[in-house]
C-alpha atoms as a PDB file:
ATOM      1  CA  UNK A   1      -2.310  44.478  32.488  1.00  0.00           C
ATOM      2  CA  UNK A   2      -2.524  40.543  32.453  1.00  0.00           C
ATOM      3  CA  UNK A   3      -5.626  40.280  34.769  1.00  0.00           C
ATOM      4  CA  UNK A   4      -7.805  43.461  32.742  1.00  0.00           C
ATOM      5  CA  UNK A   5      -6.253  41.842  29.516  1.00  0.00           C
ATOM      6  CA  UNK A   6      -8.593  38.376  31.092  1.00  0.00           C
ATOM      7  CA  UNK A   7     -11.712  40.887  32.395  1.00  0.00           C
ATOM      8  CA  UNK A   8     -11.951  42.071  29.060  1.00  0.00           C
ATOM      9  CA  UNK A   9     -12.243  39.320  27.147  1.00  0.00           C
ATOM     10  CA  UNK A  10     -14.615  37.394  29.969  1.00  0.00           C
ATOM     11  CA  UNK A  11     -16.388  40.427  29.738  1.00  0.00           C
ATOM     12  CA  UNK A  12     -16.570  40.012  25.494  1.00  0.00           C
ATOM     13  CA  UNK A  13     -17.646  36.697  25.637  1.00  0.00           C
ATOM     14  CA  UNK A  14     -20.531  37.364  27.782  1.00  0.00           C
ATOM     15  CA  UNK A  15     -21.639  40.105  25.520  1.00  0.00           C
ATOM     16  CA  UNK A  16     -20.725  38.304  22.688  1.00  0.00           C
ATOM     17  CA  UNK A  17     -23.734  34.594  23.843  1.00  0.00           C
ATOM     18  CA  UNK A  18     -26.392  37.442  24.934  1.00  0.00           C
ATOM     19  CA  UNK A  19     -25.625  39.647  21.889  1.00  0.00           C
ATOM     20  CA  UNK A  20     -25.921  36.755  19.408  1.00  0.00           C
ATOM     21  CA  UNK A  21     -28.887  34.337  21.233  1.00  0.00           C
ATOM     22  CA  UNK A  22     -31.507  36.238  19.251  1.00  0.00           C
ATOM     23  CA  UNK A  23     -29.724  36.359  16.292  1.00  0.00           C
ATOM     24  CA  UNK A  24     -28.990  32.619  16.159  1.00  0.00           C
ATOM     25  CA  UNK A  25     -32.997  31.879  17.051  1.00  0.00           C
ATOM     26  CA  UNK A  26     -33.716  34.339  13.942  1.00  0.00           C
ATOM     27  CA  UNK A  27     -31.630  32.758  11.839  1.00  0.00           C
ATOM     28  CA  UNK A  28     -33.220  29.273  12.695  1.00  0.00           C
ATOM     29  CA  UNK A  29     -36.986  30.820  11.626  1.00  0.00           C
ATOM     30  CA  UNK A  30     -35.369  32.272   8.665  1.00  0.00           C
ATOM     31  CA  UNK A  31     -33.584  28.950   7.216  1.00  0.00           C
ATOM     32  CA  UNK A  32     -37.006  26.827   8.506  1.00  0.00           C
ATOM     33  CA  UNK A  33     -39.111  29.328   6.158  1.00  0.00           C
ATOM     34  CA  UNK A  34     -37.119  28.999   3.154  1.00  0.00           C
ATOM     35  CA  UNK A  35     -37.219  25.540   3.810  1.00  0.00           C
ATOM     36  CA  UNK A  36     -40.541  25.878   3.439  1.00  0.00           C
ATOM     37  CA  UNK A  37     -40.821  27.946   0.620  1.00  0.00           C
ATOM     38  CA  UNK A  38     -41.259  30.652   2.703  1.00  0.00           C
ATOM     39  CA  UNK A  39     -39.731  34.503   3.180  1.00  0.00           C
ATOM     40  CA  UNK A  40     -40.334  34.189   7.172  1.00  0.00           C
ATOM     41  CA  UNK A  41     -40.149  37.173   9.645  1.00  0.00           C
ATOM     42  CA  UNK A  42     -36.709  39.379   9.418  1.00  0.00           C
ATOM     43  CA  UNK A  43     -33.615  37.920  10.707  1.00  0.00           C
ATOM     44  CA  UNK A  44     -33.700  40.793  13.563  1.00  0.00           C
ATOM     45  CA  UNK A  45     -37.216  39.975  14.243  1.00  0.00           C
ATOM     46  CA  UNK A  46     -35.398  38.559  17.460  1.00  0.00           C
ATOM     47  CA  UNK A  47     -34.635  41.604  18.997  1.00  0.00           C
ATOM     48  CA  UNK A  48     -37.782  43.264  18.211  1.00  0.00           C
ATOM     49  CA  UNK A  49     -39.714  41.233  19.982  1.00  0.00           C
ATOM     50  CA  UNK A  50     -37.495  41.360  23.168  1.00  0.00           C
ATOM     51  CA  UNK A  51     -37.266  45.362  22.752  1.00  0.00           C
ATOM     52  CA  UNK A  52     -41.507  45.829  22.412  1.00  0.00           C
ATOM     53  CA  UNK A  53     -41.834  43.373  25.373  1.00  0.00           C
ATOM     54  CA  UNK A  54     -39.134  45.387  27.600  1.00  0.00           C
ATOM     55  CA  UNK A  55     -41.486  48.381  26.515  1.00  0.00           C
ATOM     56  CA  UNK A  56     -44.765  46.461  27.573  1.00  0.00           C
ATOM     57  CA  UNK A  57     -46.279  46.939  31.522  1.00  0.00           C
ATOM     58  CA  UNK A  58     -45.939  43.906  33.624  1.00  0.00           C
ATOM     59  CA  UNK A  59     -49.410  42.736  33.965  1.00  0.00           C
ATOM     60  CA  UNK A  60     -49.650  40.021  37.116  1.00  0.00           C
ATOM     61  CA  UNK A  61     -52.448  37.390  38.495  1.00  0.00           C
ATOM     62  CA  UNK A  62     -53.771  38.177  42.169  1.00  0.00           C
ATOM     63  CA  UNK A  63     -52.813  35.096  42.839  1.00  0.00           C
ATOM     64  CA  UNK A  64     -49.024  35.706  42.134  1.00  0.00           C
ATOM     65  CA  UNK A  65     -46.503  35.751  44.615  1.00  0.00           C
ATOM     66  CA  UNK A  66     -43.267  37.558  45.233  1.00  0.00           C
ATOM     67  CA  UNK A  67     -41.454  34.242  43.838  1.00  0.00           C
ATOM     68  CA  UNK A  68     -42.784  34.534  40.622  1.00  0.00           C
ATOM     69  CA  UNK A  69     -41.994  38.531  40.239  1.00  0.00           C
ATOM     70  CA  UNK A  70     -38.270  36.928  41.287  1.00  0.00           C
ATOM     71  CA  UNK A  71     -37.727  33.601  38.871  1.00  0.00           C
ATOM     72  CA  UNK A  72     -37.283  35.741  35.531  1.00  0.00           C
ATOM     73  CA  UNK A  73     -33.999  37.302  36.786  1.00  0.00           C
ATOM     74  CA  UNK A  74     -33.051  34.504  38.408  1.00  0.00           C
ATOM     75  CA  UNK A  75     -34.073  31.934  35.355  1.00  0.00           C
ATOM     76  CA  UNK A  76     -31.935  34.731  33.125  1.00  0.00           C
ATOM     77  CA  UNK A  77     -28.974  35.194  35.203  1.00  0.00           C
ATOM     78  CA  UNK A  78     -28.411  31.421  35.635  1.00  0.00           C
ATOM     79  CA  UNK A  79     -28.640  30.633  31.849  1.00  0.00           C
ATOM     80  CA  UNK A  80     -26.101  33.734  30.912  1.00  0.00           C
ATOM     81  CA  UNK A  81     -23.764  32.378  33.543  1.00  0.00           C
ATOM     82  CA  UNK A  82     -23.649  28.849  31.757  1.00  0.00           C
ATOM     83  CA  UNK A  83     -23.675  29.771  28.580  1.00  0.00           C
ATOM     84  CA  UNK A  84     -20.649  32.457  29.417  1.00  0.00           C
ATOM     85  CA  UNK A  85     -18.743  29.866  30.954  1.00  0.00           C
ATOM     86  CA  UNK A  86     -18.418  27.424  27.819  1.00  0.00           C
ATOM     87  CA  UNK A  87     -15.286  28.301  25.545  1.00  0.00           C
ATOM     88  CA  UNK A  88     -16.591  29.977  22.328  1.00  0.00           C
ATOM     89  CA  UNK A  89     -13.189  31.737  20.851  1.00  0.00           C
ATOM     90  CA  UNK A  90     -11.091  31.643  23.093  1.00  0.00           C
ATOM     91  CA  UNK A  91      -9.943  29.269  25.804  1.00  0.00           C
ATOM     92  CA  UNK A  92      -8.497  30.082  29.211  1.00  0.00           C
ATOM     93  CA  UNK A  93     -11.236  32.600  30.177  1.00  0.00           C
ATOM     94  CA  UNK A  94     -10.757  34.374  33.572  1.00  0.00           C
ATOM     95  CA  UNK A  95     -13.497  31.904  34.976  1.00  0.00           C
ATOM     96  CA  UNK A  96     -12.358  28.803  32.773  1.00  0.00           C
ATOM     97  CA  UNK A  97     -11.494  26.956  36.161  1.00  0.00           C
ATOM     98  CA  UNK A  98     -15.150  27.097  36.497  1.00  0.00           C
ATOM     99  CA  UNK A  99     -16.017  25.956  33.380  1.00  0.00           C
ATOM    100  CA  UNK A 100     -17.214  22.623  34.265  1.00  0.00           C
ATOM    101  CA  UNK A 101     -19.354  20.091  32.637  1.00  0.00           C
ATOM    102  CA  UNK A 102     -21.588  19.016  35.518  1.00  0.00           C
ATOM    103  CA  UNK A 103     -21.718  22.888  37.081  1.00  0.00           C
ATOM    104  CA  UNK A 104     -23.942  23.656  34.163  1.00  0.00           C
ATOM    105  CA  UNK A 105     -26.035  20.883  34.143  1.00  0.00           C
ATOM    106  CA  UNK A 106     -26.585  22.448  37.749  1.00  0.00           C
ATOM    107  CA  UNK A 107     -27.073  25.808  36.914  1.00  0.00           C
ATOM    108  CA  UNK A 108     -29.099  24.610  34.120  1.00  0.00           C
ATOM    109  CA  UNK A 109     -31.056  22.412  36.355  1.00  0.00           C
ATOM    110  CA  UNK A 110     -31.379  24.876  38.749  1.00  0.00           C
ATOM    111  CA  UNK A 111     -33.237  27.006  35.908  1.00  0.00           C
ATOM    112  CA  UNK A 112     -35.365  24.282  35.208  1.00  0.00           C
ATOM    113  CA  UNK A 113     -36.657  23.818  39.094  1.00  0.00           C
ATOM    114  CA  UNK A 114     -37.776  27.662  39.353  1.00  0.00           C
ATOM    115  CA  UNK A 115     -39.475  28.311  35.811  1.00  0.00           C
ATOM    116  CA  UNK A 116     -41.302  24.953  36.881  1.00  0.00           C
ATOM    117  CA  UNK A 117     -41.797  26.864  40.139  1.00  0.00           C
ATOM    118  CA  UNK A 118     -43.456  29.757  38.036  1.00  0.00           C
ATOM    119  CA  UNK A 119     -45.839  27.563  36.043  1.00  0.00           C
ATOM    120  CA  UNK A 120     -46.789  26.058  39.440  1.00  0.00           C
ATOM    121  CA  UNK A 121     -47.307  29.820  41.111  1.00  0.00           C
ATOM    122  CA  UNK A 122     -50.400  30.819  39.919  1.00  0.00           C
ATOM    123  CA  UNK A 123     -51.889  28.027  40.532  1.00  0.00           C
ATOM    124  CA  UNK A 124     -53.329  27.683  36.614  1.00  0.00           C
ATOM    125  CA  UNK A 125     -54.665  24.794  34.766  1.00  0.00           C
ATOM    126  CA  UNK A 126     -52.172  25.064  31.936  1.00  0.00           C
ATOM    127  CA  UNK A 127     -48.615  25.988  34.134  1.00  0.00           C
ATOM    128  CA  UNK A 128     -49.766  22.675  36.305  1.00  0.00           C
ATOM    129  CA  UNK A 129     -49.417  20.663  32.845  1.00  0.00           C
ATOM    130  CA  UNK A 130     -46.550  22.522  31.438  1.00  0.00           C
ATOM    131  CA  UNK A 131     -44.278  22.144  34.706  1.00  0.00           C
ATOM    132  CA  UNK A 132     -45.284  18.510  35.016  1.00  0.00           C
ATOM    133  CA  UNK A 133     -44.231  18.205  31.429  1.00  0.00           C
ATOM    134  CA  UNK A 134     -40.926  19.795  32.254  1.00  0.00           C
ATOM    135  CA  UNK A 135     -39.892  17.714  35.415  1.00  0.00           C
ATOM    136  CA  UNK A 136     -40.784  15.034  33.756  1.00  0.00           C
ATOM    137  CA  UNK A 137     -38.288  15.629  30.734  1.00  0.00           C
ATOM    138  CA  UNK A 138     -35.509  17.144  33.333  1.00  0.00           C
ATOM    139  CA  UNK A 139     -36.046  13.605  35.140  1.00  0.00           C
ATOM    140  CA  UNK A 140     -34.936  11.676  31.889  1.00  0.00           C
ATOM    141  CA  UNK A 141     -32.342  14.242  30.513  1.00  0.00           C
ATOM    142  CA  UNK A 142     -30.283  14.936  33.479  1.00  0.00           C
ATOM    143  CA  UNK A 143     -29.444  10.857  33.729  1.00  0.00           C
ATOM    144  CA  UNK A 144     -28.460  10.941  30.179  1.00  0.00           C
ATOM    145  CA  UNK A 145     -26.517  14.016  30.332  1.00  0.00           C
ATOM    146  CA  UNK A 146     -24.875  12.987  33.157  1.00  0.00           C
ATOM    147  CA  UNK A 147     -23.636   9.649  31.371  1.00  0.00           C
ATOM    148  CA  UNK A 148     -22.588  11.767  28.463  1.00  0.00           C
ATOM    149  CA  UNK A 149     -20.357  13.347  30.896  1.00  0.00           C
ATOM    150  CA  UNK A 150     -18.805  10.505  32.640  1.00  0.00           C
ATOM    151  CA  UNK A 151     -18.242   9.831  29.015  1.00  0.00           C
ATOM    152  CA  UNK A 152     -16.190  12.358  27.936  1.00  0.00           C
ATOM    153  CA  UNK A 153     -14.491  12.419  31.138  1.00  0.00           C
ATOM    154  CA  UNK A 154     -12.910   9.113  30.709  1.00  0.00           C
ATOM    155  CA  UNK A 155     -11.462   9.466  27.673  1.00  0.00           C
ATOM    156  CA  UNK A 156     -10.399  13.260  28.617  1.00  0.00           C
ATOM    157  CA  UNK A 157      -9.173  12.698  31.653  1.00  0.00           C
ATOM    158  CA  UNK A 158     -11.477  15.548  33.013  1.00  0.00           C
ATOM    159  CA  UNK A 159     -14.956  17.550  33.269  1.00  0.00           C
ATOM    160  CA  UNK A 160     -13.551  20.722  32.769  1.00  0.00           C
ATOM    161  CA  UNK A 161     -14.558  22.263  29.024  1.00  0.00           C
ATOM    162  CA  UNK A 162     -11.149  23.867  27.962  1.00  0.00           C
ATOM    163  CA  UNK A 163      -9.313  20.391  29.008  1.00  0.00           C
ATOM    164  CA  UNK A 164     -11.632  18.753  26.832  1.00  0.00           C
ATOM    165  CA  UNK A 165     -11.460  20.862  24.221  1.00  0.00           C
ATOM    166  CA  UNK A 166      -7.480  21.041  24.485  1.00  0.00           C
ATOM    167  CA  UNK A 167      -7.940  17.079  24.590  1.00  0.00           C
ATOM    168  CA  UNK A 168     -10.453  16.804  21.178  1.00  0.00           C
ATOM    169  CA  UNK A 169      -8.156  18.920  19.061  1.00  0.00           C
ATOM    170  CA  UNK A 170      -4.835  16.685  19.727  1.00  0.00           C
ATOM    171  CA  UNK A 171      -4.164  14.204  18.150  1.00  0.00           C
ATOM    172  CA  UNK A 172      -4.544  11.502  20.860  1.00  0.00           C
ATOM    173  CA  UNK A 173      -8.112  11.193  20.537  1.00  0.00           C
ATOM    174  CA  UNK A 174      -8.383   9.512  17.288  1.00  0.00           C
ATOM    175  CA  UNK A 175     -11.920   7.870  15.940  1.00  0.00           C
ATOM    176  CA  UNK A 176     -13.527   6.726  18.828  1.00  0.00           C
ATOM    177  CA  UNK A 177     -17.486   4.624  18.791  1.00  0.00           C
ATOM    178  CA  UNK A 178     -17.733   6.342  22.501  1.00  0.00           C
ATOM    179  CA  UNK A 179     -17.492   9.774  20.750  1.00  0.00           C
ATOM    180  CA  UNK A 180     -20.098   8.888  18.216  1.00  0.00           C
ATOM    181  CA  UNK A 181     -22.849   7.477  21.085  1.00  0.00           C
ATOM    182  CA  UNK A 182     -21.884  10.917  23.158  1.00  0.00           C
ATOM    183  CA  UNK A 183     -22.146  13.236  20.331  1.00  0.00           C
ATOM    184  CA  UNK A 184     -25.490  11.333  19.079  1.00  0.00           C
ATOM    185  CA  UNK A 185     -26.955  11.546  22.841  1.00  0.00           C
ATOM    186  CA  UNK A 186     -26.101  15.090  23.459  1.00  0.00           C
ATOM    187  CA  UNK A 187     -27.643  15.658  20.333  1.00  0.00           C
ATOM    188  CA  UNK A 188     -30.846  14.441  21.306  1.00  0.00           C
ATOM    189  CA  UNK A 189     -30.611  15.613  24.984  1.00  0.00           C
ATOM    190  CA  UNK A 190     -30.239  19.214  23.660  1.00  0.00           C
ATOM    191  CA  UNK A 191     -33.537  18.826  22.166  1.00  0.00           C
ATOM    192  CA  UNK A 192     -35.462  17.949  24.492  1.00  0.00           C
ATOM    193  CA  UNK A 193     -33.823  20.572  26.956  1.00  0.00           C
ATOM    194  CA  UNK A 194     -34.978  23.778  24.196  1.00  0.00           C
ATOM    195  CA  UNK A 195     -38.247  21.700  23.901  1.00  0.00           C
ATOM    196  CA  UNK A 196     -37.316  21.709  20.051  1.00  0.00           C
ATOM    197  CA  UNK A 197     -39.306  19.616  17.622  1.00  0.00           C
ATOM    198  CA  UNK A 198     -39.753  16.421  17.883  1.00  0.00           C
ATOM    199  CA  UNK A 199     -40.296  17.160  21.362  1.00  0.00           C
ATOM    200  CA  UNK A 200     -42.086  20.177  21.726  1.00  0.00           C
ATOM    201  CA  UNK A 201     -43.043  23.286  19.222  1.00  0.00           C
ATOM    202  CA  UNK A 202     -41.535  26.627  20.038  1.00  0.00           C
ATOM    203  CA  UNK A 203     -43.964  27.956  17.680  1.00  0.00           C
ATOM    204  CA  UNK A 204     -47.221  26.946  18.216  1.00  0.00           C
ATOM    205  CA  UNK A 205     -49.969  27.370  21.484  1.00  0.00           C
ATOM    206  CA  UNK A 206     -51.726  24.279  21.411  1.00  0.00           C
ATOM    207  CA  UNK A 207     -52.956  23.464  24.768  1.00  0.00           C
ATOM    208  CA  UNK A 208     -52.280  19.626  24.437  1.00  0.00           C
ATOM    209  CA  UNK A 209     -48.819  19.589  23.316  1.00  0.00           C
ATOM    210  CA  UNK A 210     -47.036  22.839  25.072  1.00  0.00           C
ATOM    211  CA  UNK A 211     -44.385  22.461  27.299  1.00  0.00           C
ATOM    212  CA  UNK A 212     -42.134  25.107  27.777  1.00  0.00           C
ATOM    213  CA  UNK A 213     -44.964  27.677  26.668  1.00  0.00           C
ATOM    214  CA  UNK A 214     -47.459  26.327  29.151  1.00  0.00           C
ATOM    215  CA  UNK A 215     -45.402  27.717  31.889  1.00  0.00           C
ATOM    216  CA  UNK A 216     -44.433  30.974  30.659  1.00  0.00           C
ATOM    217  CA  UNK A 217     -48.430  32.247  29.722  1.00  0.00           C
ATOM    218  CA  UNK A 218     -48.805  34.406  32.533  1.00  0.00           C
ATOM    219  CA  UNK A 219     -45.723  36.053  32.256  1.00  0.00           C
ATOM    220  CA  UNK A 220     -45.774  39.668  30.291  1.00  0.00           C
ATOM    221  CA  UNK A 221     -43.331  42.345  29.618  1.00  0.00           C
ATOM    222  CA  UNK A 222     -39.891  42.599  30.646  1.00  0.00           C
ATOM    223  CA  UNK A 223     -40.593  39.254  32.656  1.00  0.00           C
ATOM    224  CA  UNK A 224     -41.691  37.496  29.270  1.00  0.00           C
ATOM    225  CA  UNK A 225     -38.800  39.177  27.826  1.00  0.00           C
ATOM    226  CA  UNK A 226     -36.298  37.747  30.503  1.00  0.00           C
ATOM    227  CA  UNK A 227     -37.731  34.433  29.841  1.00  0.00           C
ATOM    228  CA  UNK A 228     -37.371  34.902  26.368  1.00  0.00           C
ATOM    229  CA  UNK A 229     -33.364  35.529  26.076  1.00  0.00           C
ATOM    230  CA  UNK A 230     -32.855  32.592  28.592  1.00  0.00           C
ATOM    231  CA  UNK A 231     -34.243  30.117  26.332  1.00  0.00           C
ATOM    232  CA  UNK A 232     -32.767  31.904  23.041  1.00  0.00           C
ATOM    233  CA  UNK A 233     -29.156  32.156  25.390  1.00  0.00           C
ATOM    234  CA  UNK A 234     -29.877  27.963  25.899  1.00  0.00           C
ATOM    235  CA  UNK A 235     -30.549  27.252  22.790  1.00  0.00           C
ATOM    236  CA  UNK A 236     -26.692  28.889  21.397  1.00  0.00           C
ATOM    237  CA  UNK A 237     -25.019  27.114  25.126  1.00  0.00           C
ATOM    238  CA  UNK A 238     -26.087  24.131  24.078  1.00  0.00           C
ATOM    239  CA  UNK A 239     -24.663  24.387  20.219  1.00  0.00           C
ATOM    240  CA  UNK A 240     -21.505  26.207  22.138  1.00  0.00           C
ATOM    241  CA  UNK A 241     -20.898  23.313  24.156  1.00  0.00           C
ATOM    242  CA  UNK A 242     -21.182  20.421  20.725  1.00  0.00           C
ATOM    243  CA  UNK A 243     -18.839  22.731  18.722  1.00  0.00           C
ATOM    244  CA  UNK A 244     -17.112  23.248  21.711  1.00  0.00           C
ATOM    245  CA  UNK A 245     -16.380  19.588  22.552  1.00  0.00           C
ATOM    246  CA  UNK A 246     -16.409  18.047  19.269  1.00  0.00           C
ATOM    247  CA  UNK A 247     -15.556  20.637  16.841  1.00  0.00           C
ATOM    248  CA  UNK A 248     -13.016  22.784  19.227  1.00  0.00           C
ATOM    249  CA  UNK A 249     -10.828  23.579  15.965  1.00  0.00           C
ATOM    250  CA  UNK A 250     -10.351  27.231  15.873  1.00  0.00           C
ATOM    251  CA  UNK A 251     -10.549  28.295  19.430  1.00  0.00           C
ATOM    252  CA  UNK A 252      -7.614  31.118  20.043  1.00  0.00           C
ATOM    253  CA  UNK A 253      -5.020  29.398  23.140  1.00  0.00           C
ATOM    254  CA  UNK A 254      -4.918  31.618  26.182  1.00  0.00           C
ATOM    255  CA  UNK A 255      -1.959  33.735  24.602  1.00  0.00           C
ATOM    256  CA  UNK A 256      -2.981  34.118  21.781  1.00  0.00           C
ATOM    257  CA  UNK A 257      -2.895  37.262  18.986  1.00  0.00           C
ATOM    258  CA  UNK A 258      -5.156  39.418  17.474  1.00  0.00           C
ATOM    259  CA  UNK A 259      -5.457  37.108  14.819  1.00  0.00           C
ATOM    260  CA  UNK A 260      -6.017  33.845  16.369  1.00  0.00           C
ATOM    261  CA  UNK A 261      -8.596  35.518  18.347  1.00  0.00           C
ATOM    262  CA  UNK A 262     -10.187  36.539  15.036  1.00  0.00           C
ATOM    263  CA  UNK A 263     -10.254  33.383  13.598  1.00  0.00           C
ATOM    264  CA  UNK A 264     -11.743  32.053  16.878  1.00  0.00           C
ATOM    265  CA  UNK A 265     -14.539  34.615  17.070  1.00  0.00           C
ATOM    266  CA  UNK A 266     -15.117  33.816  12.592  1.00  0.00           C
ATOM    267  CA  UNK A 267     -14.816  30.080  13.511  1.00  0.00           C
ATOM    268  CA  UNK A 268     -17.384  30.416  16.480  1.00  0.00           C
ATOM    269  CA  UNK A 269     -19.774  32.139  14.344  1.00  0.00           C
ATOM    270  CA  UNK A 270     -19.610  29.383  11.403  1.00  0.00           C
ATOM    271  CA  UNK A 271     -20.224  26.573  13.859  1.00  0.00           C
ATOM    272  CA  UNK A 272     -23.508  28.552  15.358  1.00  0.00           C
ATOM    273  CA  UNK A 273     -24.562  29.029  11.640  1.00  0.00           C
ATOM    274  CA  UNK A 274     -23.995  25.210  11.110  1.00  0.00           C
ATOM    275  CA  UNK A 275     -25.677  24.102  13.697  1.00  0.00           C
ATOM    276  CA  UNK A 276     -28.716  26.843  12.788  1.00  0.00           C
ATOM    277  CA  UNK A 277     -28.690  25.149   9.761  1.00  0.00           C
ATOM    278  CA  UNK A 278     -29.224  21.351  10.871  1.00  0.00           C
ATOM    279  CA  UNK A 279     -31.723  22.318  13.611  1.00  0.00           C
ATOM    280  CA  UNK A 280     -34.136  23.936  11.184  1.00  0.00           C
ATOM    281  CA  UNK A 281     -33.266  20.789   8.258  1.00  0.00           C
ATOM    282  CA  UNK A 282     -34.104  18.648  11.232  1.00  0.00           C
ATOM    283  CA  UNK A 283     -37.331  20.443  12.327  1.00  0.00           C
ATOM    284  CA  UNK A 284     -38.535  20.556   8.591  1.00  0.00           C
ATOM    285  CA  UNK A 285     -37.964  16.953   8.254  1.00  0.00           C
ATOM    286  CA  UNK A 286     -39.431  15.429  11.586  1.00  0.00           C
ATOM    287  CA  UNK A 287     -42.855  15.596  12.787  1.00  0.00           C
ATOM    288  CA  UNK A 288     -43.583  16.306  16.131  1.00  0.00           C
ATOM    289  CA  UNK A 289     -44.205  13.112  18.581  1.00  0.00           C
ATOM    290  CA  UNK A 290     -46.743  12.398  21.337  1.00  0.00           C
ATOM    291  CA  UNK A 291     -46.007  13.615  24.686  1.00  0.00           C
ATOM    292  CA  UNK A 292     -46.291   9.504  25.782  1.00  0.00           C
ATOM    293  CA  UNK A 293     -43.372   8.784  23.181  1.00  0.00           C
ATOM    294  CA  UNK A 294     -40.734  11.516  24.847  1.00  0.00           C
ATOM    295  CA  UNK A 295     -39.916   8.988  27.777  1.00  0.00           C
ATOM    296  CA  UNK A 296     -38.594   6.576  24.951  1.00  0.00           C
ATOM    297  CA  UNK A 297     -36.729   9.003  22.768  1.00  0.00           C
ATOM    298  CA  UNK A 298     -34.989  10.180  26.364  1.00  0.00           C
ATOM    299  CA  UNK A 299     -34.994   6.345  27.053  1.00  0.00           C
ATOM    300  CA  UNK A 300     -32.478   6.094  23.790  1.00  0.00           C
ATOM    301  CA  UNK A 301     -30.036   9.030  25.029  1.00  0.00           C
ATOM    302  CA  UNK A 302     -29.878   7.439  28.166  1.00  0.00           C
ATOM    303  CA  UNK A 303     -29.000   4.022  27.060  1.00  0.00           C
ATOM    304  CA  UNK A 304     -26.572   5.688  24.358  1.00  0.00           C
ATOM    305  CA  UNK A 305     -24.923   7.667  27.019  1.00  0.00           C
ATOM    306  CA  UNK A 306     -24.232   4.151  29.101  1.00  0.00           C
ATOM    307  CA  UNK A 307     -23.994   2.504  25.685  1.00  0.00           C
ATOM    308  CA  UNK A 308     -20.490   4.819  25.733  1.00  0.00           C
ATOM    309  CA  UNK A 309     -19.298   4.535  28.688  1.00  0.00           C
ATOM    310  CA  UNK A 310     -19.618   0.633  29.289  1.00  0.00           C
ATOM    311  CA  UNK A 311     -17.747   0.215  25.731  1.00  0.00           C
ATOM    312  CA  UNK A 312     -14.894   2.347  27.572  1.00  0.00           C
ATOM    313  CA  UNK A 313     -14.272   0.384  30.649  1.00  0.00           C
ATOM    314  CA  UNK A 314     -14.292  -2.651  28.272  1.00  0.00           C
ATOM    315  CA  UNK A 315     -12.391  -1.431  25.772  1.00  0.00           C
ATOM    316  CA  UNK A 316      -9.520  -0.127  28.592  1.00  0.00           C
ATOM    317  CA  UNK A 317      -9.493  -4.158  30.327  1.00  0.00           C
ATOM    318  CA  UNK A 318      -8.789  -6.125  27.583  1.00  0.00           C
END
């Protein structure tokens, strides 16, 4: 019975992140529209867009290879697995032993690699520009993410998300400057990884500025739906990681009852809502930066992560 229960909770986790990711995207769009004093699209519009794309016929370029057809499924599967490993409403899930921050970085890096290949496969100029920019951003974002992992691992003594969350919710943490630096760096990396303002504007298709959209211009139908759903899952993943590591309150323990699980689900929904509101406020209060300023933005995130690690080493050596 215990094994069946663990499988049920893991399946509920996978279904929950899959269903909530379009809702989070629609919520962010709605809040941004309200902040700009517009009505905005309906809250459920991302679901309608995905269903409409699933019903459309797939149109492929003559120069597209077999890899171009397979890549959307690889990207979606890798991102969905990564999002399903992050503890959301309950810790100690069936595959929590593999919920490692370094494993998540590897999964997201693999999805990014295949997405860049898809942009180069057809041979269009927009795809090449988008792939080159994506690789440039990744070459700066991944080292920053690794420094954040080192900082958190030195504090919690592990890179496993469940162990980190249990340590952060305990009274042993206290106020640490390194945690603040790691949080700020993680937010900056999350903005860059999700191609949000000021790095990129997901609502436009300007040739000189777009990054993510340039790589997927040749996709249509169910292939485009899978890529859009993967990008929505990625946004939910980063907000879930921030909530798991820095605000782990409310997560039900492995042997929690129905009341604790209900509290965990409600708390997780509240974290997503707060993260969506903060993201919408940030994007409406700042302008998009030039592409040539992106390295400075991510370089600052790398320096913050490195500074947090150095502060831990110095404080422990005194």
